[in-house]
Amino acid sequence: MEAAYAKGFQDLRIVTPCCQASTNLNELIYEPPSGLARYSLAISSPETFLAPQIIEKLEEILGVKLKQVWFHV
């Protein structure tokens, strides 16, 4: 996204970080809830979403708002 921004969104070609596939930003399909992030926190094999008070504490520590998203491999 930063590279596309730097080029005025004229060149939308990218290589995906997950599988190194060549594509472009217009071809990506976002299924809610989804989004773009600079980093991620991962919990292996959770049984449920984290409790709101845990999210609030993590947000306080990190200084940013967090959003829980299930990730399936």
Protein backbone atom coordinates (compact mmCIF):
# COMPACT_ATOMS: atom_id res chain seq x y z
CA MET A 1 0.00 0.00 0.00
CA GLU A 2 2.86 2.37 0.81
CA ALA A 3 4.49 1.71 -2.56
CA ALA A 4 1.19 2.36 -4.37
CA TYR A 5 0.72 5.57 -2.39
CA ALA A 6 4.27 6.72 -3.21
CA LYS A 7 3.46 6.30 -6.92
CA GLY A 8 0.16 8.18 -6.65
CA PHE A 9 -1.77 4.89 -6.94
CA GLN A 10 -0.79 4.70 -10.62
CA ASP A 11 0.91 1.30 -10.23
CA LEU A 12 -1.17 -1.11 -8.13
CA ARG A 13 0.94 -4.22 -8.73
CA ILE A 14 2.04 -6.03 -5.56
CA VAL A 15 3.56 -9.29 -4.38
CA THR A 16 1.57 -10.76 -1.52
CA PRO A 17 3.56 -11.34 1.68
CA CYS A 18 1.79 -14.63 2.46
CA CYS A 19 2.53 -16.64 -0.69
CA GLN A 20 4.62 -14.31 -2.85
CA ALA A 21 1.90 -14.25 -5.54
CA SER A 22 1.88 -11.39 -8.05
CA THR A 23 -1.43 -9.50 -8.15
CA ASN A 24 -2.70 -5.94 -7.92
CA LEU A 25 -4.66 -4.08 -5.27
CA ASN A 26 -7.79 -3.98 -7.45
CA GLU A 27 -7.90 -7.80 -7.57
CA LEU A 28 -7.82 -8.37 -3.82
CA ILE A 29 -11.10 -9.59 -2.31
CA TYR A 30 -11.80 -8.43 1.22
CA GLU A 31 -14.29 -10.53 3.19
CA PRO A 32 -15.53 -8.84 6.39
CA PRO A 33 -14.15 -8.49 8.93
CA SER A 34 -10.92 -7.65 7.19
CA GLY A 35 -8.52 -4.80 6.70
CA LEU A 36 -4.95 -3.70 6.32
CA ALA A 37 -2.55 -3.62 9.24
CA ARG A 38 1.03 -2.75 9.99
CA TYR A 39 1.35 -5.64 12.45
CA SER A 40 -0.65 -8.45 13.99
CA LEU A 41 -0.90 -10.22 17.31
CA ALA A 42 -1.62 -13.92 17.00
CA ILE A 43 -3.03 -16.40 19.49
CA SER A 44 -2.72 -20.04 18.50
CA SER A 45 -5.87 -22.17 18.73
CA PRO A 46 -8.10 -19.86 20.79
CA GLU A 47 -11.43 -21.32 21.86
CA THR A 48 -13.25 -17.96 21.91
CA PHE A 49 -12.69 -14.28 21.26
CA LEU A 50 -10.66 -12.50 23.93
CA ALA A 51 -12.69 -10.86 26.70
CA PRO A 52 -13.27 -7.11 26.26
CA GLN A 53 -11.23 -6.28 29.37
CA ILE A 54 -8.21 -8.09 27.90
CA ILE A 55 -8.56 -6.16 24.63
CA GLU A 56 -8.83 -2.89 26.58
CA LYS A 57 -5.65 -3.69 28.55
CA LEU A 58 -3.75 -4.57 25.36
CA GLU A 59 -4.96 -1.34 23.72
CA GLU A 60 -3.77 0.61 26.75
CA ILE A 61 -0.34 -1.04 26.63
CA LEU A 62 0.06 -0.66 22.85
CA GLY A 63 -1.54 2.78 22.56
CA VAL A 64 -3.72 1.75 19.60
CA LYS A 65 -7.22 0.38 19.02
CA LEU A 66 -7.38 -3.35 18.28
CA LYS A 67 -9.84 -5.44 16.30
CA GLN A 68 -10.21 -9.19 16.69
CA VAL A 69 -10.39 -11.14 13.45
CA TRP A 70 -10.53 -14.93 13.11
CA PHE A 71 -7.77 -16.17 10.83
CA HIS A 72 -8.05 -19.62 9.28
CA VAL A 73 -5.09 -21.32 7.67
